[in-house]
Amino acid sequence: MIKVIVMNKRTPTKQKLLNILKKDHEMMITEIMEYFTISEIAVRKHIHELVQQGFVKRKTIKQSMGRPYYVYELTKKGHDTFPNQYEKLPLELLQDLEALQGKQAVNDVLARRMERERDFFEKEIASDEFDEKIAEVARIQDEKGYMVEVEKTEEGHYEMKHFNCPISNIATEYRQVCRNEKIVFDDVFPTSEVISHSCITSGDNFCKWTIKAPKKA
């Protein structure tokens, strides 16, 4: 019996595979084939390409007896191909808060977030050495999805660029987010001058910071 999953008839095979794995989670190739009339070789080719692209992962299941077998499941990247409200919800909640309690309530929430960010950097960064601290900040921001690039100038200063802003929808509506980021960097580098040159939320291609080397005593 061929199983049917509701979807557009013109849905490409790869999208159909993503839909199936979204619905049934971990699946063996024999289970996946119940949804297809094309050859198993063709289906395996599409699965292999999805694995290579990072949308699907293959997992080995060991048994107490017999050979292990493989199952396929979506990665986070695979799940992210489906519609969601993750980006809209935080902004809508802040807008609702502002409508109910005023702008100051939103500023208080964003200030609380700033304190949490500052505490996180303080816990994560072990070194007080300028170059090492820059590297740690770049690593942390990159892991958060900011797509960081850092260059050291001849004067010993650092230029840090963020090519992505994971919270741009909120920062565009509430510019306090960008101002708070500057405050956090000022606190992380208390002996340096931190200068903001450009900002994604202002229409620039990236956020650019100069973090000047501390003056030698």
N, C-alpha and C. Protein backbone atom coordinates (compact mmCIF):
# COMPACT_ATOMS: atom_id res chain seq x y z
N MET A 1 0.84 -1.20 0.00
CA MET A 1 0.00 0.00 0.00
C MET A 1 0.87 1.24 0.00
N ILE A 2 0.56 2.20 -0.87
CA ILE A 2 1.29 3.46 -0.95
C ILE A 2 0.63 4.47 -0.02
N LYS A 3 1.36 4.99 0.94
CA LYS A 3 0.81 6.00 1.85
C LYS A 3 0.75 7.34 1.14
N VAL A 4 -0.16 8.17 1.57
CA VAL A 4 -0.34 9.49 0.97
C VAL A 4 -0.18 10.55 2.05
N ILE A 5 0.58 11.58 1.75
CA ILE A 5 0.70 12.72 2.64
C ILE A 5 0.17 13.93 1.88
N VAL A 6 -0.70 14.70 2.51
CA VAL A 6 -1.36 15.80 1.82
C VAL A 6 -0.36 16.88 1.48
N MET A 7 -0.24 17.22 0.20
CA MET A 7 0.67 18.26 -0.26
C MET A 7 0.35 18.56 -1.72
N ASN A 8 0.87 19.62 -2.21
CA ASN A 8 0.66 19.99 -3.60
C ASN A 8 1.21 18.89 -4.50
N LYS A 9 0.45 18.54 -5.54
CA LYS A 9 0.88 17.45 -6.44
C LYS A 9 2.19 17.76 -7.13
N ARG A 10 2.50 19.04 -7.29
CA ARG A 10 3.72 19.43 -7.99
C ARG A 10 4.90 19.58 -7.05
N THR A 11 4.71 19.21 -5.77
CA THR A 11 5.79 19.32 -4.81
C THR A 11 6.98 18.48 -5.25
N PRO A 12 8.18 19.06 -5.34
CA PRO A 12 9.36 18.29 -5.74
C PRO A 12 9.64 17.15 -4.76
N THR A 13 10.39 16.20 -5.22
CA THR A 13 10.68 15.02 -4.39
C THR A 13 11.38 15.40 -3.09
N LYS A 14 12.32 16.33 -3.16
CA LYS A 14 13.04 16.71 -1.93
C LYS A 14 12.10 17.35 -0.92
N GLN A 15 11.19 18.20 -1.39
CA GLN A 15 10.24 18.81 -0.46
C GLN A 15 9.31 17.76 0.12
N LYS A 16 8.93 16.79 -0.70
CA LYS A 16 8.09 15.70 -0.21
C LYS A 16 8.81 14.93 0.89
N LEU A 17 10.10 14.68 0.70
CA LEU A 17 10.89 14.00 1.74
C LEU A 17 10.92 14.81 3.03
N LEU A 18 11.11 16.12 2.91
CA LEU A 18 11.12 16.97 4.09
C LEU A 18 9.77 16.92 4.80
N ASN A 19 8.69 16.95 4.02
CA ASN A 19 7.35 16.90 4.61
C ASN A 19 7.11 15.59 5.35
N ILE A 20 7.56 14.50 4.74
CA ILE A 20 7.39 13.18 5.36
C ILE A 20 8.15 13.09 6.67
N LEU A 21 9.40 13.54 6.67
CA LEU A 21 10.22 13.48 7.88
C LEU A 21 9.72 14.44 8.94
N LYS A 22 9.11 15.54 8.54
CA LYS A 22 8.51 16.46 9.50
C LYS A 22 7.34 15.78 10.21
N LYS A 23 6.60 15.00 9.47
CA LYS A 23 5.42 14.33 10.00
C LYS A 23 5.77 13.12 10.85
N ASP A 24 6.69 12.29 10.37
CA ASP A 24 6.95 11.01 11.02
C ASP A 24 8.30 10.93 11.74
N HIS A 25 9.08 11.99 11.70
CA HIS A 25 10.36 12.08 12.43
C HIS A 25 11.36 11.01 11.96
N GLU A 26 11.84 10.14 12.85
CA GLU A 26 12.87 9.17 12.47
C GLU A 26 12.25 8.07 11.61
N MET A 27 12.85 7.88 10.44
CA MET A 27 12.30 6.88 9.53
C MET A 27 13.41 6.09 8.85
N MET A 28 13.15 4.78 8.69
CA MET A 28 14.04 3.94 7.89
C MET A 28 13.69 4.13 6.42
N ILE A 29 14.61 3.74 5.56
CA ILE A 29 14.37 3.90 4.13
C ILE A 29 13.15 3.10 3.68
N THR A 30 12.92 1.94 4.30
CA THR A 30 11.75 1.13 3.93
C THR A 30 10.46 1.85 4.27
N GLU A 31 10.46 2.59 5.38
CA GLU A 31 9.27 3.36 5.77
C GLU A 31 9.07 4.55 4.84
N ILE A 32 10.17 5.19 4.47
CA ILE A 32 10.08 6.33 3.55
C ILE A 32 9.54 5.89 2.20
N MET A 33 9.94 4.71 1.75
CA MET A 33 9.55 4.22 0.42
C MET A 33 8.05 3.96 0.33
N GLU A 34 7.35 3.84 1.47
CA GLU A 34 5.91 3.63 1.44
C GLU A 34 5.18 4.83 0.85
N TYR A 35 5.85 5.98 0.79
CA TYR A 35 5.24 7.20 0.26
C TYR A 35 5.58 7.43 -1.22
N PHE A 36 6.40 6.55 -1.79
CA PHE A 36 6.89 6.81 -3.15
C PHE A 36 6.60 5.65 -4.09
N THR A 37 6.45 5.99 -5.35
CA THR A 37 6.33 4.97 -6.41
C THR A 37 7.58 4.94 -7.27
N ILE A 38 8.46 5.94 -7.13
CA ILE A 38 9.72 5.94 -7.87
C ILE A 38 10.68 4.95 -7.23
N SER A 39 11.79 4.68 -7.88
CA SER A 39 12.72 3.66 -7.40
C SER A 39 13.41 4.08 -6.10
N GLU A 40 13.82 3.06 -5.34
CA GLU A 40 14.53 3.33 -4.09
C GLU A 40 15.86 4.02 -4.37
N ILE A 41 16.50 3.68 -5.47
CA ILE A 41 17.77 4.32 -5.84
C ILE A 41 17.57 5.82 -6.01
N ALA A 42 16.48 6.21 -6.67
CA ALA A 42 16.20 7.63 -6.89
C ALA A 42 15.93 8.34 -5.56
N VAL A 43 15.16 7.69 -4.69
CA VAL A 43 14.85 8.29 -3.38
C VAL A 43 16.13 8.44 -2.56
N ARG A 44 16.95 7.41 -2.56
CA ARG A 44 18.21 7.49 -1.81
C ARG A 44 19.09 8.63 -2.32
N LYS A 45 19.08 8.86 -3.62
CA LYS A 45 19.88 9.95 -4.20
C LYS A 45 19.40 11.29 -3.65
N HIS A 46 18.09 11.48 -3.59
CA HIS A 46 17.55 12.73 -3.06
C HIS A 46 17.86 12.88 -1.57
N ILE A 47 17.75 11.79 -0.82
CA ILE A 47 18.07 11.83 0.61
C ILE A 47 19.53 12.19 0.81
N HIS A 48 20.40 11.56 0.03
CA HIS A 48 21.84 11.84 0.14
C HIS A 48 22.12 13.32 -0.10
N GLU A 49 21.46 13.91 -1.08
CA GLU A 49 21.66 15.33 -1.36
C GLU A 49 21.15 16.20 -0.21
N LEU A 50 20.03 15.82 0.39
CA LEU A 50 19.51 16.57 1.54
C LEU A 50 20.45 16.47 2.74
N VAL A 51 21.07 15.30 2.91
CA VAL A 51 22.06 15.13 3.98
C VAL A 51 23.26 16.02 3.71
N GLN A 52 23.74 16.02 2.48
CA GLN A 52 24.89 16.85 2.11
C GLN A 52 24.61 18.34 2.30
N GLN A 53 23.36 18.74 2.07
CA GLN A 53 22.97 20.14 2.21
C GLN A 53 22.64 20.54 3.64
N GLY A 54 22.62 19.55 4.54
CA GLY A 54 22.40 19.85 5.95
C GLY A 54 20.95 19.89 6.40
N PHE A 55 20.02 19.45 5.54
CA PHE A 55 18.60 19.47 5.91
C PHE A 55 18.17 18.19 6.63
N VAL A 56 18.89 17.11 6.37
CA VAL A 56 18.56 15.80 6.94
C VAL A 56 19.83 15.18 7.50
N LYS A 57 19.69 14.40 8.55
CA LYS A 57 20.85 13.66 9.07
C LYS A 57 20.51 12.18 9.18
N ARG A 58 21.54 11.37 9.03
CA ARG A 58 21.39 9.93 9.15
C ARG A 58 21.91 9.49 10.51
N LYS A 59 21.14 8.67 11.19
CA LYS A 59 21.53 8.22 12.53
C LYS A 59 21.60 6.70 12.56
N THR A 60 22.65 6.19 13.21
CA THR A 60 22.83 4.75 13.33
C THR A 60 22.13 4.25 14.59
N ILE A 61 21.29 3.24 14.43
CA ILE A 61 20.59 2.63 15.56
C ILE A 61 21.19 1.25 15.80
N LYS A 62 21.79 1.07 16.96
CA LYS A 62 22.40 -0.22 17.29
C LYS A 62 21.37 -1.13 17.96
N GLN A 63 21.49 -2.42 17.69
CA GLN A 63 20.59 -3.41 18.29
C GLN A 63 21.39 -4.38 19.14
N SER A 64 20.72 -4.98 20.12
CA SER A 64 21.40 -5.96 20.96
C SER A 64 21.80 -7.19 20.15
N MET A 65 21.00 -7.49 19.14
CA MET A 65 21.32 -8.59 18.24
C MET A 65 21.14 -8.11 16.80
N GLY A 66 21.99 -8.58 15.94
CA GLY A 66 21.88 -8.20 14.54
C GLY A 66 22.64 -6.93 14.22
N ARG A 67 22.62 -6.60 12.96
CA ARG A 67 23.36 -5.44 12.48
C ARG A 67 22.62 -4.15 12.81
N PRO A 68 23.37 -3.06 13.00
CA PRO A 68 22.71 -1.77 13.20
C PRO A 68 21.99 -1.34 11.92
N TYR A 69 21.05 -0.43 12.08
CA TYR A 69 20.35 0.09 10.91
C TYR A 69 20.32 1.61 10.97
N TYR A 70 19.94 2.22 9.87
CA TYR A 70 19.95 3.68 9.79
C TYR A 70 18.54 4.24 9.75
N VAL A 71 18.39 5.40 10.39
CA VAL A 71 17.15 6.16 10.27
C VAL A 71 17.51 7.58 9.84
N TYR A 72 16.55 8.25 9.27
CA TYR A 72 16.75 9.62 8.80
C TYR A 72 15.81 10.55 9.55
N GLU A 73 16.31 11.74 9.86
CA GLU A 73 15.48 12.74 10.53
C GLU A 73 15.91 14.13 10.10
N LEU A 74 15.03 15.10 10.31
CA LEU A 74 15.34 16.48 9.96
C LEU A 74 16.36 17.07 10.93
N THR A 75 17.22 17.92 10.43
CA THR A 75 18.08 18.74 11.28
C THR A 75 17.32 20.02 11.61
N LYS A 76 17.92 20.87 12.43
CA LYS A 76 17.30 22.16 12.72
C LYS A 76 17.10 22.95 11.43
N LYS A 77 18.09 22.88 10.56
CA LYS A 77 17.98 23.56 9.26
C LYS A 77 16.79 23.03 8.48
N GLY A 78 16.57 21.73 8.57
CA GLY A 78 15.42 21.14 7.89
C GLY A 78 14.10 21.61 8.47
N HIS A 79 14.03 21.64 9.81
CA HIS A 79 12.81 22.13 10.47
C HIS A 79 12.56 23.60 10.13
N ASP A 80 13.63 24.36 9.98
CA ASP A 80 13.49 25.80 9.72
C ASP A 80 12.96 26.10 8.32
N THR A 81 12.88 25.10 7.45
CA THR A 81 12.32 25.35 6.12
C THR A 81 10.80 25.46 6.17
N PHE A 82 10.20 25.08 7.29
CA PHE A 82 8.75 25.13 7.41
C PHE A 82 8.32 26.45 8.04
N PRO A 83 7.15 26.95 7.67
CA PRO A 83 6.68 28.24 8.21
C PRO A 83 6.61 28.20 9.73
N ASN A 84 7.00 29.30 10.36
CA ASN A 84 6.89 29.42 11.81
C ASN A 84 6.68 30.88 12.18
N GLN A 85 6.36 31.10 13.43
CA GLN A 85 6.11 32.45 13.93
C GLN A 85 7.21 32.88 14.90
N TYR A 86 8.34 32.17 14.90
CA TYR A 86 9.40 32.46 15.86
C TYR A 86 9.88 33.91 15.78
N GLU A 87 10.04 34.41 14.54
CA GLU A 87 10.56 35.76 14.39
C GLU A 87 9.53 36.81 14.76
N LYS A 88 8.27 36.56 14.41
CA LYS A 88 7.23 37.56 14.64
C LYS A 88 6.82 37.66 16.10
N LEU A 89 6.80 36.51 16.81
CA LEU A 89 6.23 36.48 18.15
C LEU A 89 6.90 37.43 19.13
N PRO A 90 8.24 37.43 19.28
CA PRO A 90 8.85 38.34 20.26
C PRO A 90 8.52 39.80 20.00
N LEU A 91 8.53 40.21 18.73
CA LEU A 91 8.21 41.59 18.39
C LEU A 91 6.76 41.90 18.73
N GLU A 92 5.87 40.98 18.40
CA GLU A 92 4.45 41.20 18.70
C GLU A 92 4.20 41.28 20.20
N LEU A 93 4.93 40.48 20.98
CA LEU A 93 4.78 40.54 22.44
C LEU A 93 5.23 41.90 22.98
N LEU A 94 6.34 42.42 22.45
CA LEU A 94 6.80 43.74 22.89
C LEU A 94 5.81 44.83 22.48
N GLN A 95 5.26 44.70 21.30
CA GLN A 95 4.26 45.67 20.85
C GLN A 95 3.01 45.62 21.72
N ASP A 96 2.61 44.41 22.10
CA ASP A 96 1.46 44.27 23.00
C ASP A 96 1.76 44.86 24.37
N LEU A 97 2.98 44.62 24.86
CA LEU A 97 3.39 45.18 26.15
C LEU A 97 3.35 46.70 26.11
N GLU A 98 3.84 47.27 25.02
CA GLU A 98 3.83 48.73 24.89
C GLU A 98 2.40 49.27 24.86
N ALA A 99 1.51 48.55 24.16
CA ALA A 99 0.12 48.99 24.07
C ALA A 99 -0.57 48.92 25.43
N LEU A 100 -0.21 47.93 26.24
CA LEU A 100 -0.87 47.75 27.53
C LEU A 100 -0.25 48.58 28.65
N GLN A 101 1.10 48.69 28.65
CA GLN A 101 1.77 49.32 29.79
C GLN A 101 2.67 50.49 29.42
N GLY A 102 2.79 50.79 28.15
CA GLY A 102 3.58 51.95 27.75
C GLY A 102 4.99 51.61 27.33
N LYS A 103 5.65 52.59 26.71
CA LYS A 103 7.00 52.41 26.17
C LYS A 103 8.02 52.09 27.25
N GLN A 104 7.83 52.66 28.45
CA GLN A 104 8.80 52.43 29.51
C GLN A 104 8.88 50.96 29.90
N ALA A 105 7.75 50.28 29.84
CA ALA A 105 7.74 48.85 30.16
C ALA A 105 8.61 48.08 29.17
N VAL A 106 8.55 48.47 27.90
CA VAL A 106 9.39 47.82 26.88
C VAL A 106 10.86 48.12 27.15
N ASN A 107 11.15 49.38 27.47
CA ASN A 107 12.54 49.76 27.78
C ASN A 107 13.07 48.97 28.97
N ASP A 108 12.21 48.72 29.95
CA ASP A 108 12.62 47.95 31.13
C ASP A 108 12.96 46.51 30.75
N VAL A 109 12.15 45.93 29.87
CA VAL A 109 12.40 44.56 29.41
C VAL A 109 13.71 44.49 28.64
N LEU A 110 13.93 45.47 27.76
CA LEU A 110 15.16 45.49 26.96
C LEU A 110 16.38 45.74 27.84
N ALA A 111 16.20 46.55 28.89
CA ALA A 111 17.30 46.79 29.83
C ALA A 111 17.64 45.50 30.58
N ARG A 112 16.62 44.73 30.90
CA ARG A 112 16.84 43.45 31.58
C ARG A 112 17.62 42.51 30.66
N ARG A 113 17.26 42.51 29.39
CA ARG A 113 18.00 41.70 28.43
C ARG A 113 19.45 42.14 28.35
N MET A 114 19.68 43.45 28.37
CA MET A 114 21.04 43.98 28.32
C MET A 114 21.86 43.49 29.51
N GLU A 115 21.26 43.50 30.69
CA GLU A 115 21.96 43.02 31.88
C GLU A 115 22.30 41.53 31.75
N ARG A 116 21.38 40.78 31.19
CA ARG A 116 21.63 39.35 31.00
C ARG A 116 22.77 39.12 30.01
N GLU A 117 22.81 39.91 28.93
CA GLU A 117 23.90 39.82 27.97
C GLU A 117 25.24 40.17 28.62
N ARG A 118 25.23 41.21 29.41
CA ARG A 118 26.45 41.65 30.08
C ARG A 118 26.96 40.56 31.04
N ASP A 119 26.04 39.97 31.79
CA ASP A 119 26.42 38.90 32.71
C ASP A 119 26.96 37.69 31.95
N PHE A 120 26.37 37.40 30.80
CA PHE A 120 26.81 36.26 30.01
C PHE A 120 28.25 36.45 29.52
N PHE A 121 28.54 37.64 28.99
CA PHE A 121 29.90 37.92 28.54
C PHE A 121 30.89 37.82 29.70
N GLU A 122 30.48 38.32 30.84
CA GLU A 122 31.37 38.31 32.00
C GLU A 122 31.72 36.88 32.41
N LYS A 123 30.74 35.98 32.33
CA LYS A 123 30.97 34.59 32.71
C LYS A 123 31.77 33.83 31.65
N GLU A 124 31.55 34.17 30.39
CA GLU A 124 32.17 33.43 29.29
C GLU A 124 33.62 33.84 29.03
N ILE A 125 33.93 35.11 29.28
CA ILE A 125 35.27 35.61 28.93
C ILE A 125 36.18 35.51 30.15
N ALA A 126 37.17 34.64 30.03
CA ALA A 126 38.06 34.39 31.17
C ALA A 126 39.26 35.32 31.19
N SER A 127 39.68 35.79 30.02
CA SER A 127 40.92 36.56 29.91
C SER A 127 40.66 38.06 29.96
N ASP A 128 41.62 38.79 30.52
CA ASP A 128 41.59 40.25 30.49
C ASP A 128 42.50 40.79 29.39
N GLU A 129 43.21 39.90 28.71
CA GLU A 129 44.12 40.31 27.64
C GLU A 129 43.30 40.75 26.42
N PHE A 130 43.63 41.91 25.88
CA PHE A 130 42.80 42.56 24.86
C PHE A 130 42.55 41.66 23.65
N ASP A 131 43.61 41.12 23.05
CA ASP A 131 43.45 40.30 21.85
C ASP A 131 42.59 39.06 22.12
N GLU A 132 42.82 38.42 23.25
CA GLU A 132 42.06 37.22 23.59
C GLU A 132 40.59 37.56 23.85
N LYS A 133 40.37 38.70 24.47
CA LYS A 133 39.00 39.11 24.75
C LYS A 133 38.25 39.39 23.45
N ILE A 134 38.92 40.03 22.50
CA ILE A 134 38.32 40.27 21.19
C ILE A 134 37.92 38.95 20.54
N ALA A 135 38.82 37.98 20.59
CA ALA A 135 38.56 36.68 19.98
C ALA A 135 37.36 35.99 20.62
N GLU A 136 37.26 36.11 21.95
CA GLU A 136 36.14 35.50 22.66
C GLU A 136 34.82 36.16 22.31
N VAL A 137 34.82 37.49 22.26
CA VAL A 137 33.59 38.21 21.90
C VAL A 137 33.16 37.84 20.48
N ALA A 138 34.12 37.78 19.56
CA ALA A 138 33.81 37.41 18.18
C ALA A 138 33.22 36.00 18.12
N ARG A 139 33.80 35.08 18.89
CA ARG A 139 33.30 33.70 18.91
C ARG A 139 31.87 33.65 19.43
N ILE A 140 31.63 34.34 20.54
CA ILE A 140 30.30 34.34 21.15
C ILE A 140 29.26 34.92 20.19
N GLN A 141 29.59 36.05 19.60
CA GLN A 141 28.65 36.69 18.69
C GLN A 141 28.40 35.85 17.44
N ASP A 142 29.45 35.20 16.97
CA ASP A 142 29.31 34.34 15.79
C ASP A 142 28.40 33.15 16.09
N GLU A 143 28.56 32.58 17.28
CA GLU A 143 27.72 31.45 17.69
C GLU A 143 26.26 31.87 17.83
N LYS A 144 26.04 33.13 18.11
CA LYS A 144 24.67 33.65 18.23
C LYS A 144 24.06 33.97 16.87
N GLY A 145 24.85 33.83 15.81
CA GLY A 145 24.32 34.03 14.48
C GLY A 145 24.58 35.37 13.85
N TYR A 146 25.56 36.13 14.39
CA TYR A 146 25.83 37.46 13.86
C TYR A 146 26.76 37.47 12.64
N MET A 147 27.31 36.33 12.29
CA MET A 147 28.25 36.23 11.14
C MET A 147 29.36 37.27 11.28
N VAL A 148 30.26 37.03 12.20
CA VAL A 148 31.26 38.02 12.60
C VAL A 148 32.53 37.92 11.76
N GLU A 149 33.06 39.08 11.44
CA GLU A 149 34.38 39.19 10.80
C GLU A 149 35.19 40.21 11.59
N VAL A 150 36.42 39.86 11.92
CA VAL A 150 37.27 40.74 12.73
C VAL A 150 38.59 40.97 12.01
N GLU A 151 39.02 42.22 11.99
CA GLU A 151 40.32 42.57 11.41
C GLU A 151 41.07 43.48 12.38
N LYS A 152 42.38 43.23 12.47
CA LYS A 152 43.23 44.06 13.33
C LYS A 152 43.91 45.11 12.47
N THR A 153 43.85 46.36 12.90
CA THR A 153 44.46 47.45 12.13
C THR A 153 45.94 47.57 12.48
N GLU A 154 46.65 48.37 11.70
CA GLU A 154 48.08 48.59 11.95
C GLU A 154 48.31 49.25 13.30
N GLU A 155 47.31 50.02 13.76
CA GLU A 155 47.45 50.70 15.05
C GLU A 155 47.17 49.77 16.23
N GLY A 156 46.75 48.54 15.95
CA GLY A 156 46.46 47.60 17.03
C GLY A 156 45.01 47.60 17.46
N HIS A 157 44.18 48.41 16.77
CA HIS A 157 42.75 48.41 17.06
C HIS A 157 42.09 47.25 16.31
N TYR A 158 40.82 47.00 16.64
CA TYR A 158 40.08 45.95 15.95
C TYR A 158 38.83 46.52 15.31
N GLU A 159 38.56 46.08 14.09
CA GLU A 159 37.30 46.39 13.43
C GLU A 159 36.48 45.11 13.37
N MET A 160 35.30 45.16 13.95
CA MET A 160 34.43 43.99 14.00
C MET A 160 33.16 44.27 13.21
N LYS A 161 32.85 43.36 12.31
CA LYS A 161 31.64 43.51 11.50
C LYS A 161 30.66 42.38 11.80
N HIS A 162 29.39 42.73 11.89
CA HIS A 162 28.31 41.77 12.00
C HIS A 162 27.54 41.79 10.68
N PHE A 163 27.59 40.69 9.93
CA PHE A 163 26.91 40.65 8.64
C PHE A 163 25.47 40.16 8.75
N ASN A 164 25.07 39.76 9.94
CA ASN A 164 23.69 39.34 10.17
C ASN A 164 23.24 39.80 11.54
N CYS A 165 21.98 40.17 11.65
CA CYS A 165 21.41 40.54 12.95
C CYS A 165 20.24 39.60 13.22
N PRO A 166 20.40 38.64 14.14
CA PRO A 166 19.34 37.67 14.41
C PRO A 166 18.08 38.29 14.99
N ILE A 167 18.20 39.51 15.54
CA ILE A 167 17.04 40.17 16.14
C ILE A 167 16.74 41.48 15.43
N SER A 168 16.99 41.52 14.13
CA SER A 168 16.83 42.78 13.39
C SER A 168 15.39 43.27 13.39
N ASN A 169 14.43 42.33 13.42
CA ASN A 169 13.03 42.77 13.42
C ASN A 169 12.69 43.55 14.68
N ILE A 170 13.26 43.13 15.82
CA ILE A 170 13.04 43.84 17.08
C ILE A 170 13.86 45.12 17.11
N ALA A 171 15.13 45.02 16.71
CA ALA A 171 16.03 46.18 16.77
C ALA A 171 15.58 47.29 15.83
N THR A 172 14.94 46.93 14.72
CA THR A 172 14.44 47.96 13.80
C THR A 172 13.29 48.73 14.42
N GLU A 173 12.45 48.02 15.15
CA GLU A 173 11.29 48.66 15.79
C GLU A 173 11.69 49.40 17.06
N TYR A 174 12.62 48.81 17.81
CA TYR A 174 13.05 49.38 19.10
C TYR A 174 14.56 49.59 19.06
N ARG A 175 14.97 50.78 18.70
CA ARG A 175 16.39 51.08 18.52
C ARG A 175 17.18 51.03 19.82
N GLN A 176 16.47 50.95 20.93
CA GLN A 176 17.15 50.81 22.22
C GLN A 176 18.03 49.56 22.23
N VAL A 177 17.64 48.56 21.45
CA VAL A 177 18.42 47.32 21.37
C VAL A 177 19.84 47.61 20.90
N CYS A 178 19.97 48.45 19.88
CA CYS A 178 21.30 48.80 19.35
C CYS A 178 22.08 49.64 20.36
N ARG A 179 21.40 50.56 21.00
CA ARG A 179 22.08 51.39 22.01
C ARG A 179 22.55 50.53 23.19
N ASN A 180 21.74 49.55 23.55
CA ASN A 180 22.12 48.66 24.64
C ASN A 180 23.33 47.81 24.28
N GLU A 181 23.41 47.41 23.01
CA GLU A 181 24.57 46.63 22.56
C GLU A 181 25.86 47.43 22.72
N LYS A 182 25.78 48.71 22.41
CA LYS A 182 26.94 49.60 22.59
C LYS A 182 27.33 49.67 24.06
N ILE A 183 26.35 49.74 24.94
CA ILE A 183 26.62 49.79 26.38
C ILE A 183 27.31 48.51 26.84
N VAL A 184 26.83 47.37 26.33
CA VAL A 184 27.43 46.08 26.70
C VAL A 184 28.89 46.02 26.26
N PHE A 185 29.17 46.43 25.02
CA PHE A 185 30.55 46.42 24.53
C PHE A 185 31.42 47.40 25.33
N ASP A 186 30.86 48.52 25.72
CA ASP A 186 31.61 49.46 26.57
C ASP A 186 32.00 48.81 27.89
N ASP A 187 31.09 48.01 28.44
CA ASP A 187 31.36 47.34 29.71
C ASP A 187 32.35 46.19 29.55
N VAL A 188 32.25 45.49 28.41
CA VAL A 188 33.17 44.37 28.16
C VAL A 188 34.60 44.88 27.95
N PHE A 189 34.71 46.06 27.33
CA PHE A 189 36.03 46.66 27.07
C PHE A 189 36.12 48.02 27.79
N PRO A 190 36.21 48.00 29.12
CA PRO A 190 36.16 49.24 29.90
C PRO A 190 37.34 50.18 29.67
N THR A 191 38.47 49.65 29.22
CA THR A 191 39.65 50.50 29.00
C THR A 191 39.83 50.85 27.53
N SER A 192 38.83 50.52 26.71
CA SER A 192 38.90 50.81 25.27
C SER A 192 37.78 51.75 24.86
N GLU A 193 38.01 52.45 23.77
CA GLU A 193 36.94 53.25 23.18
C GLU A 193 36.25 52.39 22.13
N VAL A 194 34.93 52.27 22.24
CA VAL A 194 34.14 51.48 21.31
C VAL A 194 33.33 52.43 20.44
N ILE A 195 33.52 52.33 19.13
CA ILE A 195 32.87 53.25 18.19
C ILE A 195 31.99 52.46 17.23
N SER A 196 30.74 52.88 17.09
CA SER A 196 29.82 52.28 16.14
C SER A 196 29.81 53.10 14.85
N HIS A 197 30.09 52.44 13.71
CA HIS A 197 30.17 53.14 12.43
C HIS A 197 28.94 52.93 11.55
N SER A 198 28.37 51.75 11.59
CA SER A 198 27.23 51.44 10.73
C SER A 198 26.34 50.43 11.42
N CYS A 199 25.10 50.34 10.92
CA CYS A 199 24.12 49.48 11.58
C CYS A 199 23.15 48.91 10.55
N ILE A 200 22.91 47.62 10.62
CA ILE A 200 21.98 46.96 9.70
C ILE A 200 20.59 47.57 9.79
N THR A 201 20.17 47.91 11.01
CA THR A 201 18.82 48.45 11.19
C THR A 201 18.67 49.86 10.63
N SER A 202 19.79 50.47 10.25
CA SER A 202 19.75 51.79 9.60
C SER A 202 19.83 51.67 8.09
N GLY A 203 19.83 50.43 7.61
CA GLY A 203 19.89 50.20 6.18
C GLY A 203 21.27 49.87 5.66
N ASP A 204 22.27 49.80 6.55
CA ASP A 204 23.62 49.45 6.13
C ASP A 204 23.73 47.94 5.87
N ASN A 205 24.76 47.55 5.15
CA ASN A 205 24.94 46.14 4.81
C ASN A 205 25.44 45.31 6.00
N PHE A 206 26.03 45.98 6.97
CA PHE A 206 26.53 45.29 8.15
C PHE A 206 26.67 46.29 9.29
N CYS A 207 26.75 45.75 10.50
CA CYS A 207 27.08 46.57 11.67
C CYS A 207 28.61 46.56 11.81
N LYS A 208 29.18 47.73 11.98
CA LYS A 208 30.64 47.82 12.08
C LYS A 208 31.02 48.55 13.36
N TRP A 209 31.95 47.95 14.07
CA TRP A 209 32.47 48.52 15.31
C TRP A 209 33.98 48.67 15.21
N THR A 210 34.50 49.72 15.81
CA THR A 210 35.94 49.82 16.06
C THR A 210 36.13 49.74 17.56
N ILE A 211 36.96 48.81 17.98
CA ILE A 211 37.30 48.68 19.40
C ILE A 211 38.78 49.01 19.53
N LYS A 212 39.05 50.15 20.10
CA LYS A 212 40.42 50.65 20.15
C LYS A 212 41.23 49.94 21.23
N ALA A 213 42.50 49.73 20.91
CA ALA A 213 43.39 49.09 21.87
C ALA A 213 43.55 49.99 23.09
N PRO A 214 43.61 49.40 24.29
CA PRO A 214 43.81 50.21 25.49
C PRO A 214 45.13 50.97 25.42
N LYS A 215 45.12 52.16 25.95
CA LYS A 215 46.35 52.95 25.98
C LYS A 215 47.30 52.36 27.01
N LYS A 216 48.56 52.22 26.61
CA LYS A 216 49.54 51.65 27.52
C LYS A 216 49.90 52.66 28.61
N ALA A 217 50.00 52.15 29.82
CA ALA A 217 50.32 53.04 30.95
C ALA A 217 51.75 53.53 30.87
